[in-house]
Amino acid sequence: MSSILQPVSQGLNQLSKMYEAVCVALLAGMLTINAANIVSRGIFDHALNWVWPWTMVAFLWWVMLALFPLYNRRKDVSIYILQGFLPRSAQRLLGVFVHLAIMLAMGILIYTFPERLASSRGNVEIVNLPRQVLVWPLLISTVPVFVGALVSLIKIILKRDAYVPFGMIEVQE
């Protein structure tokens, strides 16, 4: 089992890096077109009306695609104060519970994706993209989060890894 988990974990890390690069590119693109709009308004007194809708499309993609790298790097928020007071077996059980909860949440999003896709009708104004384009990043992020939680769950169950809570901050005294 370990021979399967390690390559999957490495693949998820590489995918996370790719998502981060896409997020940085989206952010740079949003910054660039909004700066161009500000300059156009200031110098030519002419607004670039297409900037706002494209910024919103890029922003939605940015937020949804960032979900996976944030999960993968353990940067999201979790209550970890309780863990220090628990014995190892209870910490492992807490880890199982947390990863099952993540899988449940992502599973619901994946399960309801066809419904979300079907309800996205028409085009985004001005950019003339189908509204379904705004929903796809949700699936693109939830699937690797689900897989990552599954891999972490299996590692905890097989006692290959200890549970490290999300948001754990080391404070030097």
Protein backbone atom coordinates (compact mmCIF):
# COMPACT_ATOMS: atom_id res chain seq x y z
CA MET A 1 0.00 0.00 0.00
CA SER A 2 2.88 2.34 0.83
CA SER A 3 4.26 1.92 -2.69
CA ILE A 4 0.99 3.39 -4.02
CA LEU A 5 0.57 6.16 -1.42
CA GLN A 6 4.01 7.74 -1.93
CA PRO A 7 3.66 8.37 -5.71
CA VAL A 8 0.08 9.63 -5.20
CA SER A 9 1.29 12.04 -2.50
CA GLN A 10 4.12 13.25 -4.73
CA GLY A 11 1.71 13.68 -7.63
CA LEU A 12 -0.65 15.71 -5.44
CA ASN A 13 2.27 17.91 -4.36
CA GLN A 14 3.21 18.55 -8.00
CA LEU A 15 -0.42 19.28 -8.87
CA SER A 16 -0.57 21.69 -5.94
CA LYS A 17 2.49 23.55 -7.25
CA MET A 18 0.86 23.79 -10.68
CA TYR A 19 -2.36 25.16 -9.15
CA GLU A 20 -0.31 27.72 -7.22
CA ALA A 21 1.40 28.82 -10.43
CA VAL A 22 -1.98 29.19 -12.15
CA CYS A 23 -3.27 31.20 -9.17
CA VAL A 24 -0.25 33.52 -9.32
CA ALA A 25 -0.77 33.96 -13.07
CA LEU A 26 -4.46 34.73 -12.54
CA LEU A 27 -3.61 37.26 -9.84
CA ALA A 28 -0.98 38.89 -12.06
CA GLY A 29 -3.47 39.00 -14.93
CA MET A 30 -6.14 40.62 -12.74
CA LEU A 31 -3.62 43.17 -11.50
CA THR A 32 -2.44 43.96 -15.03
CA ILE A 33 -5.86 44.48 -16.60
CA ASN A 34 -7.09 46.52 -13.64
CA ALA A 35 -3.96 48.69 -13.80
CA ALA A 36 -4.58 49.18 -17.52
CA ASN A 37 -8.17 50.20 -16.75
CA ILE A 38 -6.99 52.72 -14.14
CA VAL A 39 -4.47 54.19 -16.58
CA SER A 40 -7.06 54.29 -19.37
CA ARG A 41 -9.52 56.10 -17.13
CA GLY A 42 -6.92 58.54 -15.82
CA ILE A 43 -5.21 59.42 -19.08
CA PHE A 44 -7.86 58.89 -21.75
CA ASP A 45 -11.00 59.28 -19.64
CA HIS A 46 -12.17 55.99 -21.13
CA ALA A 47 -13.14 52.94 -19.06
CA LEU A 48 -12.31 49.48 -20.32
CA ASN A 49 -15.72 47.92 -19.69
CA TRP A 50 -14.49 44.40 -20.28
CA VAL A 51 -12.07 44.52 -17.33
CA TRP A 52 -14.61 44.02 -14.54
CA PRO A 53 -16.29 40.86 -15.94
CA TRP A 54 -12.94 39.26 -16.79
CA THR A 55 -11.64 40.14 -13.33
CA MET A 56 -14.64 38.41 -11.79
CA VAL A 57 -14.13 35.28 -13.90
CA ALA A 58 -10.42 35.20 -13.01
CA PHE A 59 -11.20 35.87 -9.34
CA LEU A 60 -13.67 32.95 -9.15
CA TRP A 61 -11.13 30.63 -10.76
CA TRP A 62 -8.41 31.94 -8.45
CA VAL A 63 -10.44 31.36 -5.29
CA MET A 64 -11.65 27.90 -6.28
CA LEU A 65 -8.27 26.71 -7.56
CA ALA A 66 -6.53 27.96 -4.41
CA LEU A 67 -8.63 25.55 -2.32
CA PHE A 68 -6.41 22.59 -3.18
CA PRO A 69 -2.97 24.17 -2.56
CA LEU A 70 -4.23 25.61 0.73
CA TYR A 71 -5.44 22.18 1.81
CA ASN A 72 -2.31 20.45 0.55
CA ARG A 73 0.03 22.81 2.40
CA ARG A 74 -2.03 22.57 5.58
CA LYS A 75 -2.65 26.30 5.67
CA ASP A 76 -6.34 26.25 6.42
CA VAL A 77 -7.76 26.77 9.87
CA SER A 78 -8.40 23.97 12.33
CA ILE A 79 -8.84 23.71 16.07
CA TYR A 80 -5.71 22.03 17.34
CA ILE A 81 -5.58 23.16 20.96
CA LEU A 82 -7.47 20.04 22.03
CA GLN A 83 -4.94 17.70 20.46
CA GLY A 84 -2.21 18.45 23.01
CA PHE A 85 -4.40 17.08 25.79
CA LEU A 86 -5.26 13.84 24.01
CA PRO A 87 -3.37 10.55 24.15
CA ARG A 88 -1.80 9.32 20.89
CA SER A 89 -4.66 6.95 20.09
CA ALA A 90 -7.22 9.74 20.51
CA GLN A 91 -5.07 12.03 18.34
CA ARG A 92 -5.09 9.38 15.64
CA LEU A 93 -8.86 9.04 16.00
CA LEU A 94 -9.19 12.82 15.73
CA GLY A 95 -7.16 12.68 12.52
CA VAL A 96 -9.43 9.98 11.13
CA PHE A 97 -12.48 12.08 12.00
CA VAL A 98 -11.04 15.26 10.42
CA HIS A 99 -10.11 13.52 7.18
CA LEU A 100 -13.49 11.79 6.99
CA ALA A 101 -15.16 15.17 7.49
CA ILE A 102 -13.06 16.68 4.67
CA MET A 103 -13.90 13.75 2.42
CA LEU A 104 -17.60 14.12 3.25
CA ALA A 105 -17.58 17.85 2.43
CA MET A 106 -15.65 17.34 -0.81
CA GLY A 107 -17.77 14.29 -1.66
CA ILE A 108 -20.94 16.36 -1.37
CA LEU A 109 -19.46 19.00 -3.68
CA ILE A 110 -18.40 16.34 -6.18
CA TYR A 111 -21.74 14.51 -5.95
CA THR A 112 -23.74 17.71 -6.54
CA PHE A 113 -21.46 18.94 -9.32
CA PRO A 114 -23.73 17.73 -12.16
CA GLU A 115 -26.61 19.67 -10.59
CA ARG A 116 -24.46 22.81 -10.31
CA LEU A 117 -23.35 22.39 -13.89
CA ALA A 118 -26.91 21.90 -15.16
CA SER A 119 -28.14 25.01 -13.33
CA SER A 120 -25.42 27.17 -14.89
CA ARG A 121 -27.18 28.38 -17.99
CA GLY A 122 -26.51 31.23 -20.33
CA ASN A 123 -23.38 33.29 -20.82
CA VAL A 124 -21.38 35.60 -18.61
CA GLU A 125 -22.14 39.14 -19.69
CA ILE A 126 -19.56 40.97 -21.81
CA VAL A 127 -17.00 38.13 -21.77
CA ASN A 128 -19.50 35.85 -23.54
CA LEU A 129 -18.32 32.66 -21.85
CA PRO A 130 -20.77 29.95 -20.85
CA ARG A 131 -21.61 30.20 -17.13
CA GLN A 132 -20.50 26.59 -16.75
CA VAL A 133 -16.91 27.86 -17.04
CA LEU A 134 -17.37 29.40 -13.58
CA VAL A 135 -18.25 26.03 -11.99
CA TRP A 136 -15.46 23.80 -13.34
CA PRO A 137 -12.70 25.08 -11.00
CA LEU A 138 -14.77 23.84 -8.08
CA LEU A 139 -14.53 20.26 -9.36
CA ILE A 140 -10.90 20.74 -10.39
CA SER A 141 -10.04 21.57 -6.77
CA THR A 142 -12.39 19.33 -4.82
CA VAL A 143 -11.26 16.09 -6.47
CA PRO A 144 -7.58 16.43 -5.45
CA VAL A 145 -8.60 17.61 -1.95
CA PHE A 146 -10.74 14.46 -1.65
CA VAL A 147 -7.87 12.28 -2.89
CA GLY A 148 -5.41 14.02 -0.54
CA ALA A 149 -7.70 13.48 2.45
CA LEU A 150 -8.12 9.84 1.46
CA VAL A 151 -4.34 9.33 1.23
CA SER A 152 -3.85 11.04 4.62
CA LEU A 153 -6.63 8.93 6.13
CA ILE A 154 -5.06 5.71 4.86
CA LYS A 155 -1.63 6.77 6.18
CA ILE A 156 -3.11 7.49 9.61
CA ILE A 157 -4.99 4.18 9.68
CA LEU A 158 -1.86 2.27 8.60
CA LYS A 159 0.13 4.25 11.21
CA ARG A 160 2.51 5.57 8.52
CA ASP A 161 1.85 9.17 9.57
CA ALA A 162 0.75 10.93 12.71
CA TYR A 163 -2.10 13.39 12.51
CA VAL A 164 -0.79 16.94 12.16
CA PRO A 165 -3.66 19.41 12.49
CA PHE A 166 -4.15 22.10 9.91
CA GLY A 167 -3.09 25.57 10.94
CA MET A 168 -0.55 24.28 13.45
CA ILE A 169 1.68 27.19 14.38
CA GLU A 170 4.96 26.67 16.15
CA VAL A 171 5.56 29.42 18.67
CA GLN A 172 9.08 29.99 19.95
CA GLU A 173 9.29 31.13 23.56
